[in-house]
PDB file of N, CA and C in Angstrom:
ATOM      1  N   MET A   1      40.889 -20.632  11.832  1.00  0.00           N
ATOM      2  CA  MET A   1      39.509 -21.019  11.924  1.00  0.00           C
ATOM      3  C   MET A   1      38.597 -19.808  12.122  1.00  0.00           C
ATOM      4  N   LYS A   2      39.030 -18.849  12.965  1.00  0.00           N
ATOM      5  CA  LYS A   2      38.248 -17.652  13.189  1.00  0.00           C
ATOM      6  C   LYS A   2      38.087 -16.856  11.900  1.00  0.00           C
ATOM      7  N   SER A   3      39.150 -16.777  11.133  1.00  0.00           N
ATOM      8  CA  SER A   3      39.073 -15.982   9.910  1.00  0.00           C
ATOM      9  C   SER A   3      38.138 -16.646   8.891  1.00  0.00           C
ATOM     10  N   LEU A   4      38.092 -17.961   8.849  1.00  0.00           N
ATOM     11  CA  LEU A   4      37.186 -18.665   7.951  1.00  0.00           C
ATOM     12  C   LEU A   4      35.740 -18.419   8.374  1.00  0.00           C
ATOM     13  N   LEU A   5      35.482 -18.491   9.658  1.00  0.00           N
ATOM     14  CA  LEU A   5      34.143 -18.241  10.167  1.00  0.00           C
ATOM     15  C   LEU A   5      33.716 -16.803   9.887  1.00  0.00           C
ATOM     16  N   PHE A   6      34.613 -15.854  10.122  1.00  0.00           N
ATOM     17  CA  PHE A   6      34.325 -14.454   9.853  1.00  0.00           C
ATOM     18  C   PHE A   6      34.048 -14.246   8.365  1.00  0.00           C
ATOM     19  N   SER A   7      34.840 -14.858   7.509  1.00  0.00           N
ATOM     20  CA  SER A   7      34.651 -14.725   6.061  1.00  0.00           C
ATOM     21  C   SER A   7      33.302 -15.286   5.626  1.00  0.00           C
ATOM     22  N   MET A   8      32.917 -16.419   6.176  1.00  0.00           N
ATOM     23  CA  MET A   8      31.631 -17.021   5.823  1.00  0.00           C
ATOM     24  C   MET A   8      30.473 -16.152   6.313  1.00  0.00           C
ATOM     25  N   LEU A   9      30.602 -15.616   7.510  1.00  0.00           N
ATOM     26  CA  LEU A   9      29.580 -14.743   8.051  1.00  0.00           C
ATOM     27  C   LEU A   9      29.445 -13.483   7.199  1.00  0.00           C
ATOM     28  N   PHE A  10      30.562 -12.919   6.799  1.00  0.00           N
ATOM     29  CA  PHE A  10      30.547 -11.739   5.947  1.00  0.00           C
ATOM     30  C   PHE A  10      29.888 -12.062   4.607  1.00  0.00           C
ATOM     31  N   LEU A  11      30.231 -13.183   4.012  1.00  0.00           N
ATOM     32  CA  LEU A  11      29.678 -13.578   2.724  1.00  0.00           C
ATOM     33  C   LEU A  11      28.160 -13.777   2.822  1.00  0.00           C
ATOM     34  N   LEU A  12      27.711 -14.437   3.863  1.00  0.00           N
ATOM     35  CA  LEU A  12      26.273 -14.636   4.043  1.00  0.00           C
ATOM     36  C   LEU A  12      25.549 -13.309   4.237  1.00  0.00           C
ATOM     37  N   SER A  13      26.134 -12.407   4.999  1.00  0.00           N
ATOM     38  CA  SER A  13      25.543 -11.083   5.201  1.00  0.00           C
ATOM     39  C   SER A  13      25.465 -10.325   3.885  1.00  0.00           C
ATOM     40  N   PHE A  14      26.503 -10.389   3.111  1.00  0.00           N
ATOM     41  CA  PHE A  14      26.550  -9.705   1.823  1.00  0.00           C
ATOM     42  C   PHE A  14      25.493 -10.275   0.879  1.00  0.00           C
ATOM     43  N   LEU A  15      25.361 -11.587   0.823  1.00  0.00           N
ATOM     44  CA  LEU A  15      24.355 -12.217  -0.043  1.00  0.00           C
ATOM     45  C   LEU A  15      22.944 -11.845   0.405  1.00  0.00           C
ATOM     46  N   PHE A  16      22.714 -11.793   1.704  1.00  0.00           N
ATOM     47  CA  PHE A  16      21.418 -11.381   2.218  1.00  0.00           C
ATOM     48  C   PHE A  16      21.119  -9.948   1.798  1.00  0.00           C
ATOM     49  N   PHE A  17      22.109  -9.070   1.905  1.00  0.00           N
ATOM     50  CA  PHE A  17      21.941  -7.677   1.492  1.00  0.00           C
ATOM     51  C   PHE A  17      21.594  -7.593   0.014  1.00  0.00           C
ATOM     52  N   LEU A  18      22.304  -8.335  -0.822  1.00  0.00           N
ATOM     53  CA  LEU A  18      22.034  -8.317  -2.265  1.00  0.00           C
ATOM     54  C   LEU A  18      20.638  -8.834  -2.580  1.00  0.00           C
ATOM     55  N   ALA A  19      20.213  -9.837  -1.883  1.00  0.00           N
ATOM     56  CA  ALA A  19      18.897 -10.421  -2.147  1.00  0.00           C
ATOM     57  C   ALA A  19      17.772  -9.451  -1.814  1.00  0.00           C
ATOM     58  N   HIS A  20      17.990  -8.601  -0.824  1.00  0.00           N
ATOM     59  CA  HIS A  20      16.933  -7.695  -0.398  1.00  0.00           C
ATOM     60  C   HIS A  20      17.113  -6.272  -0.893  1.00  0.00           C
ATOM     61  N   SER A  21      18.217  -5.938  -1.480  1.00  0.00           N
ATOM     62  CA  SER A  21      18.439  -4.561  -1.913  1.00  0.00           C
ATOM     63  C   SER A  21      17.612  -4.199  -3.133  1.00  0.00           C
ATOM     64  N   GLY A  22      17.173  -5.178  -3.908  1.00  0.00           N
ATOM     65  CA  GLY A  22      16.372  -4.894  -5.092  1.00  0.00           C
ATOM     66  C   GLY A  22      14.902  -4.710  -4.785  1.00  0.00           C
ATOM     67  N   GLU A  23      14.481  -5.001  -3.558  1.00  0.00           N
ATOM     68  CA  GLU A  23      13.087  -4.860  -3.185  1.00  0.00           C
ATOM     69  C   GLU A  23      12.787  -3.400  -2.883  1.00  0.00           C
ATOM     70  N   THR A  24      11.800  -2.863  -3.577  1.00  0.00           N
ATOM     71  CA  THR A  24      11.384  -1.496  -3.314  1.00  0.00           C
ATOM     72  C   THR A  24       9.903  -1.484  -3.023  1.00  0.00           C
ATOM     73  N   ALA A  25       9.475  -0.507  -2.255  1.00  0.00           N
ATOM     74  CA  ALA A  25       8.065  -0.377  -1.922  1.00  0.00           C
ATOM     75  C   ALA A  25       7.278   0.044  -3.157  1.00  0.00           C
ATOM     76  N   VAL A  26       5.979  -0.153  -3.102  1.00  0.00           N
ATOM     77  CA  VAL A  26       5.096   0.215  -4.201  1.00  0.00           C
ATOM     78  C   VAL A  26       5.153   1.735  -4.384  1.00  0.00           C
ATOM     79  N   PRO A  27       5.455   2.227  -5.598  1.00  0.00           N
ATOM     80  CA  PRO A  27       5.548   3.676  -5.813  1.00  0.00           C
ATOM     81  C   PRO A  27       4.174   4.349  -5.820  1.00  0.00           C
ATOM     82  N   CYS A  28       4.129   5.619  -5.430  1.00  0.00           N
ATOM     83  CA  CYS A  28       2.868   6.364  -5.385  1.00  0.00           C
ATOM     84  C   CYS A  28       2.217   6.471  -6.761  1.00  0.00           C
ATOM     85  N   THR A  29       2.994   6.472  -7.819  1.00  0.00           N
ATOM     86  CA  THR A  29       2.382   6.542  -9.152  1.00  0.00           C
ATOM     87  C   THR A  29       1.508   5.313  -9.400  1.00  0.00           C
ATOM     88  N   THR A  30       1.931   4.159  -8.935  1.00  0.00           N
ATOM     89  CA  THR A  30       1.136   2.932  -9.057  1.00  0.00           C
ATOM     90  C   THR A  30      -0.114   3.025  -8.196  1.00  0.00           C
ATOM     91  N   VAL A  31       0.057   3.510  -6.975  1.00  0.00           N
ATOM     92  CA  VAL A  31      -1.078   3.659  -6.061  1.00  0.00           C
ATOM     93  C   VAL A  31      -2.099   4.624  -6.649  1.00  0.00           C
ATOM     94  N   ASP A  32      -1.624   5.774  -7.117  1.00  0.00           N
ATOM     95  CA  ASP A  32      -2.518   6.790  -7.683  1.00  0.00           C
ATOM     96  C   ASP A  32      -3.284   6.259  -8.888  1.00  0.00           C
ATOM     97  N   ALA A  33      -2.587   5.562  -9.762  1.00  0.00           N
ATOM     98  CA  ALA A  33      -3.227   5.032 -10.973  1.00  0.00           C
ATOM     99  C   ALA A  33      -4.306   4.013 -10.625  1.00  0.00           C
ATOM    100  N   ASN A  34      -4.038   3.169  -9.628  1.00  0.00           N
ATOM    101  CA  ASN A  34      -4.995   2.126  -9.262  1.00  0.00           C
ATOM    102  C   ASN A  34      -6.155   2.641  -8.417  1.00  0.00           C
ATOM    103  N   ALA A  35      -5.960   3.722  -7.711  1.00  0.00           N
ATOM    104  CA  ALA A  35      -7.000   4.242  -6.819  1.00  0.00           C
ATOM    105  C   ALA A  35      -7.787   5.405  -7.424  1.00  0.00           C
ATOM    106  N   ALA A  36      -7.370   5.920  -8.549  1.00  0.00           N
ATOM    107  CA  ALA A  36      -7.996   7.117  -9.131  1.00  0.00           C
ATOM    108  C   ALA A  36      -9.494   6.962  -9.358  1.00  0.00           C
ATOM    109  N   ALA A  37      -9.930   5.806  -9.777  1.00  0.00           N
ATOM    110  CA  ALA A  37     -11.358   5.602 -10.068  1.00  0.00           C
ATOM    111  C   ALA A  37     -12.224   5.624  -8.811  1.00  0.00           C
ATOM    112  N   CYS A  38     -11.606   5.616  -7.642  1.00  0.00           N
ATOM    113  CA  CYS A  38     -12.355   5.620  -6.377  1.00  0.00           C
ATOM    114  C   CYS A  38     -12.668   7.039  -5.906  1.00  0.00           C
ATOM    115  N   LEU A  39     -12.117   8.015  -6.559  1.00  0.00           N
ATOM    116  CA  LEU A  39     -12.236   9.395  -6.107  1.00  0.00           C
ATOM    117  C   LEU A  39     -13.689   9.868  -6.019  1.00  0.00           C
ATOM    118  N   GLY A  40     -14.519   9.506  -6.997  1.00  0.00           N
ATOM    119  CA  GLY A  40     -15.922   9.936  -6.977  1.00  0.00           C
ATOM    120  C   GLY A  40     -16.640   9.477  -5.725  1.00  0.00           C
ATOM    121  N   PHE A  41     -16.479   8.226  -5.356  1.00  0.00           N
ATOM    122  CA  PHE A  41     -17.130   7.713  -4.157  1.00  0.00           C
ATOM    123  C   PHE A  41     -16.487   8.278  -2.897  1.00  0.00           C
ATOM    124  N   ALA A  42     -15.169   8.316  -2.860  1.00  0.00           N
ATOM    125  CA  ALA A  42     -14.452   8.748  -1.654  1.00  0.00           C
ATOM    126  C   ALA A  42     -14.698  10.216  -1.315  1.00  0.00           C
ATOM    127  N   THR A  43     -15.118  11.001  -2.294  1.00  0.00           N
ATOM    128  CA  THR A  43     -15.436  12.411  -2.040  1.00  0.00           C
ATOM    129  C   THR A  43     -16.940  12.632  -1.879  1.00  0.00           C
ATOM    130  N   GLY A  44     -17.724  11.560  -1.983  1.00  0.00           N
ATOM    131  CA  GLY A  44     -19.167  11.668  -1.801  1.00  0.00           C
ATOM    132  C   GLY A  44     -19.932  12.037  -3.055  1.00  0.00           C
ATOM    133  N   LYS A  45     -19.295  12.015  -4.200  1.00  0.00           N
ATOM    134  CA  LYS A  45     -19.951  12.407  -5.451  1.00  0.00           C
ATOM    135  C   LYS A  45     -20.590  11.238  -6.188  1.00  0.00           C
ATOM    136  N   ALA A  46     -20.302  10.019  -5.757  1.00  0.00           N
ATOM    137  CA  ALA A  46     -20.885   8.820  -6.365  1.00  0.00           C
ATOM    138  C   ALA A  46     -21.545   7.991  -5.266  1.00  0.00           C
ATOM    139  N   ALA A  47     -22.627   7.305  -5.608  1.00  0.00           N
ATOM    140  CA  ALA A  47     -23.388   6.542  -4.630  1.00  0.00           C
ATOM    141  C   ALA A  47     -22.670   5.287  -4.158  1.00  0.00           C
ATOM    142  N   LYS A  48     -21.809   4.726  -5.015  1.00  0.00           N
ATOM    143  CA  LYS A  48     -21.062   3.519  -4.646  1.00  0.00           C
ATOM    144  C   LYS A  48     -19.749   3.498  -5.417  1.00  0.00           C
ATOM    145  N   PRO A  49     -18.782   2.721  -4.933  1.00  0.00           N
ATOM    146  CA  PRO A  49     -17.520   2.613  -5.676  1.00  0.00           C
ATOM    147  C   PRO A  49     -17.775   1.945  -7.039  1.00  0.00           C
ATOM    148  N   SER A  50     -17.159   2.466  -8.056  1.00  0.00           N
ATOM    149  CA  SER A  50     -17.320   1.904  -9.399  1.00  0.00           C
ATOM    150  C   SER A  50     -16.575   0.575  -9.516  1.00  0.00           C
ATOM    151  N   SER A  51     -16.905  -0.186 -10.537  1.00  0.00           N
ATOM    152  CA  SER A  51     -16.182  -1.438 -10.757  1.00  0.00           C
ATOM    153  C   SER A  51     -14.716  -1.144 -11.082  1.00  0.00           C
ATOM    154  N   ALA A  52     -14.455  -0.015 -11.749  1.00  0.00           N
ATOM    155  CA  ALA A  52     -13.060   0.374 -12.035  1.00  0.00           C
ATOM    156  C   ALA A  52     -12.308   0.657 -10.740  1.00  0.00           C
ATOM    157  N   CYS A  53     -12.984   1.232  -9.767  1.00  0.00           N
ATOM    158  CA  CYS A  53     -12.377   1.488  -8.451  1.00  0.00           C
ATOM    159  C   CYS A  53     -12.000   0.169  -7.800  1.00  0.00           C
ATOM    160  N   CYS A  54     -12.958  -0.739  -7.720  1.00  0.00           N
ATOM    161  CA  CYS A  54     -12.713  -2.031  -7.061  1.00  0.00           C
ATOM    162  C   CYS A  54     -11.651  -2.836  -7.802  1.00  0.00           C
ATOM    163  N   ASP A  55     -11.702  -2.827  -9.128  1.00  0.00           N
ATOM    164  CA  ASP A  55     -10.691  -3.547  -9.912  1.00  0.00           C
ATOM    165  C   ASP A  55      -9.304  -2.975  -9.675  1.00  0.00           C
ATOM    166  N   GLY A  56      -9.191  -1.656  -9.634  1.00  0.00           N
ATOM    167  CA  GLY A  56      -7.904  -1.007  -9.402  1.00  0.00           C
ATOM    168  C   GLY A  56      -7.344  -1.334  -8.029  1.00  0.00           C
ATOM    169  N   LEU A  57      -8.227  -1.338  -7.023  1.00  0.00           N
ATOM    170  CA  LEU A  57      -7.775  -1.662  -5.668  1.00  0.00           C
ATOM    171  C   LEU A  57      -7.416  -3.134  -5.535  1.00  0.00           C
ATOM    172  N   GLN A  58      -8.133  -3.996  -6.234  1.00  0.00           N
ATOM    173  CA  GLN A  58      -7.777  -5.425  -6.232  1.00  0.00           C
ATOM    174  C   GLN A  58      -6.379  -5.609  -6.835  1.00  0.00           C
ATOM    175  N   GLN A  59      -6.116  -4.901  -7.936  1.00  0.00           N
ATOM    176  CA  GLN A  59      -4.782  -4.987  -8.559  1.00  0.00           C
ATOM    177  C   GLN A  59      -3.719  -4.460  -7.604  1.00  0.00           C
ATOM    178  N   LEU A  60      -4.027  -3.366  -6.935  1.00  0.00           N
ATOM    179  CA  LEU A  60      -3.087  -2.793  -5.975  1.00  0.00           C
ATOM    180  C   LEU A  60      -2.817  -3.778  -4.835  1.00  0.00           C
ATOM    181  N   ALA A  61      -3.854  -4.426  -4.347  1.00  0.00           N
ATOM    182  CA  ALA A  61      -3.696  -5.405  -3.264  1.00  0.00           C
ATOM    183  C   ALA A  61      -2.797  -6.557  -3.690  1.00  0.00           C
ATOM    184  N   GLN A  62      -2.855  -6.910  -4.963  1.00  0.00           N
ATOM    185  CA  GLN A  62      -2.012  -8.009  -5.449  1.00  0.00           C
ATOM    186  C   GLN A  62      -0.543  -7.621  -5.557  1.00  0.00           C
ATOM    187  N   THR A  63      -0.238  -6.324  -5.555  1.00  0.00           N
ATOM    188  CA  THR A  63       1.156  -5.892  -5.631  1.00  0.00           C
ATOM    189  C   THR A  63       1.851  -5.957  -4.277  1.00  0.00           C
ATOM    190  N   VAL A  64       1.065  -6.086  -3.202  1.00  0.00           N
ATOM    191  CA  VAL A  64       1.623  -6.096  -1.848  1.00  0.00           C
ATOM    192  C   VAL A  64       2.408  -7.379  -1.609  1.00  0.00           C
ATOM    193  N   LYS A  65       3.687  -7.206  -1.323  1.00  0.00           N
ATOM    194  CA  LYS A  65       4.574  -8.334  -1.052  1.00  0.00           C
ATOM    195  C   LYS A  65       5.144  -8.298   0.359  1.00  0.00           C
ATOM    196  N   SER A  66       4.988  -7.158   1.029  1.00  0.00           N
ATOM    197  CA  SER A  66       5.605  -7.008   2.352  1.00  0.00           C
ATOM    198  C   SER A  66       4.858  -5.967   3.175  1.00  0.00           C
ATOM    199  N   VAL A  67       5.211  -5.881   4.433  1.00  0.00           N
ATOM    200  CA  VAL A  67       4.651  -4.856   5.316  1.00  0.00           C
ATOM    201  C   VAL A  67       5.058  -3.477   4.811  1.00  0.00           C
ATOM    202  N   GLU A  68       6.275  -3.364   4.288  1.00  0.00           N
ATOM    203  CA  GLU A  68       6.731  -2.076   3.750  1.00  0.00           C
ATOM    204  C   GLU A  68       5.865  -1.631   2.576  1.00  0.00           C
ATOM    205  N   ASP A  69       5.403  -2.573   1.761  1.00  0.00           N
ATOM    206  CA  ASP A  69       4.499  -2.236   0.659  1.00  0.00           C
ATOM    207  C   ASP A  69       3.200  -1.662   1.206  1.00  0.00           C
ATOM    208  N   LYS A  70       2.646  -2.285   2.242  1.00  0.00           N
ATOM    209  CA  LYS A  70       1.412  -1.788   2.856  1.00  0.00           C
ATOM    210  C   LYS A  70       1.604  -0.379   3.401  1.00  0.00           C
ATOM    211  N   LYS A  71       2.726  -0.173   4.071  1.00  0.00           N
ATOM    212  CA  LYS A  71       3.005   1.152   4.630  1.00  0.00           C
ATOM    213  C   LYS A  71       3.144   2.193   3.526  1.00  0.00           C
ATOM    214  N   ALA A  72       3.823   1.838   2.448  1.00  0.00           N
ATOM    215  CA  ALA A  72       4.021   2.771   1.340  1.00  0.00           C
ATOM    216  C   ALA A  72       2.684   3.134   0.695  1.00  0.00           C
ATOM    217  N   ILE A  73       1.838   2.145   0.479  1.00  0.00           N
ATOM    218  CA  ILE A  73       0.519   2.401  -0.103  1.00  0.00           C
ATOM    219  C   ILE A  73      -0.291   3.305   0.817  1.00  0.00           C
ATOM    220  N   CYS A  74      -0.267   3.019   2.096  1.00  0.00           N
ATOM    221  CA  CYS A  74      -0.978   3.833   3.077  1.00  0.00           C
ATOM    222  C   CYS A  74      -0.504   5.283   3.029  1.00  0.00           C
ATOM    223  N   ARG A  75       0.814   5.490   3.019  1.00  0.00           N
ATOM    224  CA  ARG A  75       1.358   6.856   2.980  1.00  0.00           C
ATOM    225  C   ARG A  75       0.927   7.580   1.707  1.00  0.00           C
ATOM    226  N   CYS A  76       0.972   6.904   0.578  1.00  0.00           N
ATOM    227  CA  CYS A  76       0.562   7.519  -0.692  1.00  0.00           C
ATOM    228  C   CYS A  76      -0.902   7.925  -0.644  1.00  0.00           C
ATOM    229  N   LEU A  77      -1.744   7.042  -0.132  1.00  0.00           N
ATOM    230  CA  LEU A  77      -3.172   7.335  -0.068  1.00  0.00           C
ATOM    231  C   LEU A  77      -3.467   8.490   0.886  1.00  0.00           C
ATOM    232  N   LYS A  78      -2.732   8.572   1.986  1.00  0.00           N
ATOM    233  CA  LYS A  78      -2.956   9.668   2.936  1.00  0.00           C
ATOM    234  C   LYS A  78      -2.595  11.021   2.333  1.00  0.00           C
ATOM    235  N   VAL A  79      -1.520  11.060   1.563  1.00  0.00           N
ATOM    236  CA  VAL A  79      -1.132  12.317   0.912  1.00  0.00           C
ATOM    237  C   VAL A  79      -2.231  12.747  -0.051  1.00  0.00           C
ATOM    238  N   GLY A  80      -2.718  11.798  -0.841  1.00  0.00           N
ATOM    239  CA  GLY A  80      -3.785  12.104  -1.788  1.00  0.00           C
ATOM    240  C   GLY A  80      -5.073  12.499  -1.094  1.00  0.00           C
ATOM    241  N   ALA A  81      -5.390  11.839   0.000  1.00  0.00           N
ATOM    242  CA  ALA A  81      -6.636  12.111   0.723  1.00  0.00           C
ATOM    243  C   ALA A  81      -6.682  13.544   1.234  1.00  0.00           C
ATOM    244  N   LYS A  82      -5.581  14.024   1.721  1.00  0.00           N
ATOM    245  CA  LYS A  82      -5.545  15.386   2.260  1.00  0.00           C
ATOM    246  C   LYS A  82      -5.751  16.428   1.171  1.00  0.00           C
ATOM    247  N   SER A  83      -5.179  16.192   0.009  1.00  0.00           N
ATOM    248  CA  SER A  83      -5.246  17.200  -1.039  1.00  0.00           C
ATOM    249  C   SER A  83      -6.503  17.112  -1.907  1.00  0.00           C
ATOM    250  N   LEU A  84      -7.235  15.999  -1.842  1.00  0.00           N
ATOM    251  CA  LEU A  84      -8.373  15.802  -2.745  1.00  0.00           C
ATOM    252  C   LEU A  84      -9.736  15.869  -2.068  1.00  0.00           C
ATOM    253  N   GLY A  85      -9.780  16.121  -0.783  1.00  0.00           N
ATOM    254  CA  GLY A  85     -11.056  16.238  -0.092  1.00  0.00           C
ATOM    255  C   GLY A  85     -11.764  14.912   0.153  1.00  0.00           C
ATOM    256  N   ILE A  86     -10.994  13.883   0.403  1.00  0.00           N
ATOM    257  CA  ILE A  86     -11.557  12.568   0.695  1.00  0.00           C
ATOM    258  C   ILE A  86     -12.292  12.630   2.035  1.00  0.00           C
ATOM    259  N   GLN A  87     -13.477  12.040   2.097  1.00  0.00           N
ATOM    260  CA  GLN A  87     -14.268  12.026   3.327  1.00  0.00           C
ATOM    261  C   GLN A  87     -14.183  10.649   3.972  1.00  0.00           C
ATOM    262  N   ASP A  88     -13.828  10.647   5.231  1.00  0.00           N
ATOM    263  CA  ASP A  88     -13.626   9.405   5.982  1.00  0.00           C
ATOM    264  C   ASP A  88     -14.842   8.476   5.926  1.00  0.00           C
ATOM    265  N   ARG A  89     -16.018   9.036   6.016  1.00  0.00           N
ATOM    266  CA  ARG A  89     -17.227   8.195   6.057  1.00  0.00           C
ATOM    267  C   ARG A  89     -17.413   7.388   4.774  1.00  0.00           C
ATOM    268  N   PHE A  90     -16.895   7.893   3.659  1.00  0.00           N
ATOM    269  CA  PHE A  90     -16.971   7.140   2.402  1.00  0.00           C
ATOM    270  C   PHE A  90     -15.745   6.238   2.225  1.00  0.00           C
ATOM    271  N   LEU A  91     -14.596   6.767   2.568  1.00  0.00           N
ATOM    272  CA  LEU A  91     -13.351   6.015   2.433  1.00  0.00           C
ATOM    273  C   LEU A  91     -13.404   4.699   3.210  1.00  0.00           C
ATOM    274  N   SER A  92     -13.932   4.757   4.410  1.00  0.00           N
ATOM    275  CA  SER A  92     -13.967   3.567   5.264  1.00  0.00           C
ATOM    276  C   SER A  92     -14.879   2.467   4.714  1.00  0.00           C
ATOM    277  N   ARG A  93     -15.787   2.792   3.805  1.00  0.00           N
ATOM    278  CA  ARG A  93     -16.709   1.804   3.228  1.00  0.00           C
ATOM    279  C   ARG A  93     -16.132   1.069   2.015  1.00  0.00           C
ATOM    280  N   ILE A  94     -15.080   1.608   1.430  1.00  0.00           N
ATOM    281  CA  ILE A  94     -14.564   1.038   0.182  1.00  0.00           C
ATOM    282  C   ILE A  94     -14.089  -0.403   0.316  1.00  0.00           C
ATOM    283  N   PRO A  95     -13.305  -0.767   1.330  1.00  0.00           N
ATOM    284  CA  PRO A  95     -12.858  -2.168   1.395  1.00  0.00           C
ATOM    285  C   PRO A  95     -14.008  -3.174   1.401  1.00  0.00           C
ATOM    286  N   ARG A  96     -15.024  -2.919   2.186  1.00  0.00           N
ATOM    287  CA  ARG A  96     -16.161  -3.851   2.246  1.00  0.00           C
ATOM    288  C   ARG A  96     -16.918  -3.854   0.914  1.00  0.00           C
ATOM    289  N   ALA A  97     -17.155  -2.684   0.351  1.00  0.00           N
ATOM    290  CA  ALA A  97     -17.895  -2.592  -0.914  1.00  0.00           C
ATOM    291  C   ALA A  97     -17.154  -3.291  -2.049  1.00  0.00           C
ATOM    292  N   CYS A  98     -15.831  -3.275  -1.995  1.00  0.00           N
ATOM    293  CA  CYS A  98     -15.008  -3.902  -3.042  1.00  0.00           C
ATOM    294  C   CYS A  98     -14.528  -5.301  -2.660  1.00  0.00           C
ATOM    295  N   ASN A  99     -14.953  -5.763  -1.472  1.00  0.00           N
ATOM    296  CA  ASN A  99     -14.570  -7.092  -0.984  1.00  0.00           C
ATOM    297  C   ASN A  99     -13.045  -7.264  -0.916  1.00  0.00           C
ATOM    298  N   ILE A 100     -12.408  -6.288  -0.293  1.00  0.00           N
ATOM    299  CA  ILE A 100     -10.952  -6.308  -0.118  1.00  0.00           C
ATOM    300  C   ILE A 100     -10.655  -6.333   1.376  1.00  0.00           C
ATOM    301  N   LYS A 101      -9.835  -7.271   1.785  1.00  0.00           N
ATOM    302  CA  LYS A 101      -9.432  -7.368   3.188  1.00  0.00           C
ATOM    303  C   LYS A 101      -8.100  -6.632   3.357  1.00  0.00           C
ATOM    304  N   VAL A 102      -8.119  -5.580   4.169  1.00  0.00           N
ATOM    305  CA  VAL A 102      -6.886  -4.818   4.389  1.00  0.00           C
ATOM    306  C   VAL A 102      -6.255  -5.087   5.743  1.00  0.00           C
ATOM    307  N   GLY A 103      -7.016  -5.618   6.693  1.00  0.00           N
ATOM    308  CA  GLY A 103      -6.448  -5.993   7.978  1.00  0.00           C
ATOM    309  C   GLY A 103      -6.329  -4.876   8.992  1.00  0.00           C
ATOM    310  N   PHE A 104      -6.838  -3.686   8.676  1.00  0.00           N
ATOM    311  CA  PHE A 104      -6.834  -2.575   9.621  1.00  0.00           C
ATOM    312  C   PHE A 104      -7.922  -1.591   9.199  1.00  0.00           C
ATOM    313  N   PRO A 105      -8.386  -0.741  10.115  1.00  0.00           N
ATOM    314  CA  PRO A 105      -9.414   0.236   9.755  1.00  0.00           C
ATOM    315  C   PRO A 105      -8.889   1.229   8.715  1.00  0.00           C
ATOM    316  N   VAL A 106      -9.678   1.494   7.707  1.00  0.00           N
ATOM    317  CA  VAL A 106      -9.279   2.450   6.667  1.00  0.00           C
ATOM    318  C   VAL A 106      -9.843   3.814   7.034  1.00  0.00           C
ATOM    319  N   SER A 107      -8.945   4.773   7.149  1.00  0.00           N
ATOM    320  CA  SER A 107      -9.323   6.116   7.559  1.00  0.00           C
ATOM    321  C   SER A 107      -8.249   7.098   7.107  1.00  0.00           C
ATOM    322  N   VAL A 108      -8.626   8.352   6.944  1.00  0.00           N
ATOM    323  CA  VAL A 108      -7.606   9.367   6.636  1.00  0.00           C
ATOM    324  C   VAL A 108      -6.685   9.577   7.822  1.00  0.00           C
ATOM    325  N   ASN A 109      -7.090   9.078   8.989  1.00  0.00           N
ATOM    326  CA  ASN A 109      -6.282   9.223  10.203  1.00  0.00           C
ATOM    327  C   ASN A 109      -5.497   7.975  10.563  1.00  0.00           C
ATOM    328  N   THR A 110      -5.495   6.960   9.698  1.00  0.00           N
ATOM    329  CA  THR A 110      -4.759   5.727   9.971  1.00  0.00           C
ATOM    330  C   THR A 110      -3.273   6.019  10.126  1.00  0.00           C
ATOM    331  N   ASN A 111      -2.655   5.421  11.135  1.00  0.00           N
ATOM    332  CA  ASN A 111      -1.213   5.533  11.324  1.00  0.00           C
ATOM    333  C   ASN A 111      -0.543   4.500  10.409  1.00  0.00           C
ATOM    334  N   CYS A 112       0.079   4.942   9.359  1.00  0.00           N
ATOM    335  CA  CYS A 112       0.677   4.069   8.364  1.00  0.00           C
ATOM    336  C   CYS A 112       1.917   3.334   8.854  1.00  0.00           C
ATOM    337  N   GLU A 113       2.481   3.770   9.937  1.00  0.00           N
ATOM    338  CA  GLU A 113       3.737   3.182  10.406  1.00  0.00           C
ATOM    339  C   GLU A 113       3.542   2.022  11.368  1.00  0.00           C
ATOM    340  N   MET A 114       2.324   1.684  11.659  1.00  0.00           N
ATOM    341  CA  MET A 114       2.069   0.588  12.604  1.00  0.00           C
ATOM    342  C   MET A 114       1.861  -0.702  11.859  1.00  0.00           C
TER     343      MET A 114
END
């Protein structure tokens, strides 16, 4: 009886592993492609986010399936923000301007792991 229970437990664990092993976080190439149009506003060179910016971020938001996806997107954006001269005062306005709910303050200093 113990061996049957152990075998069933092992099988269930294995099936759970298989079901979740194919899930991967959103890649930075996807994040970069969807957020690229926001660069003008985020660096202070445009008066407002373009419709292409908002559309790209809406598409990116629709790719989020898990907390890990949110963390991955956050990490990708932070890497880009540091190298591209993104200004916090503009970056923080994008979610409201594009009517996107992110559930946390948007900043170059956001802790992506929380």
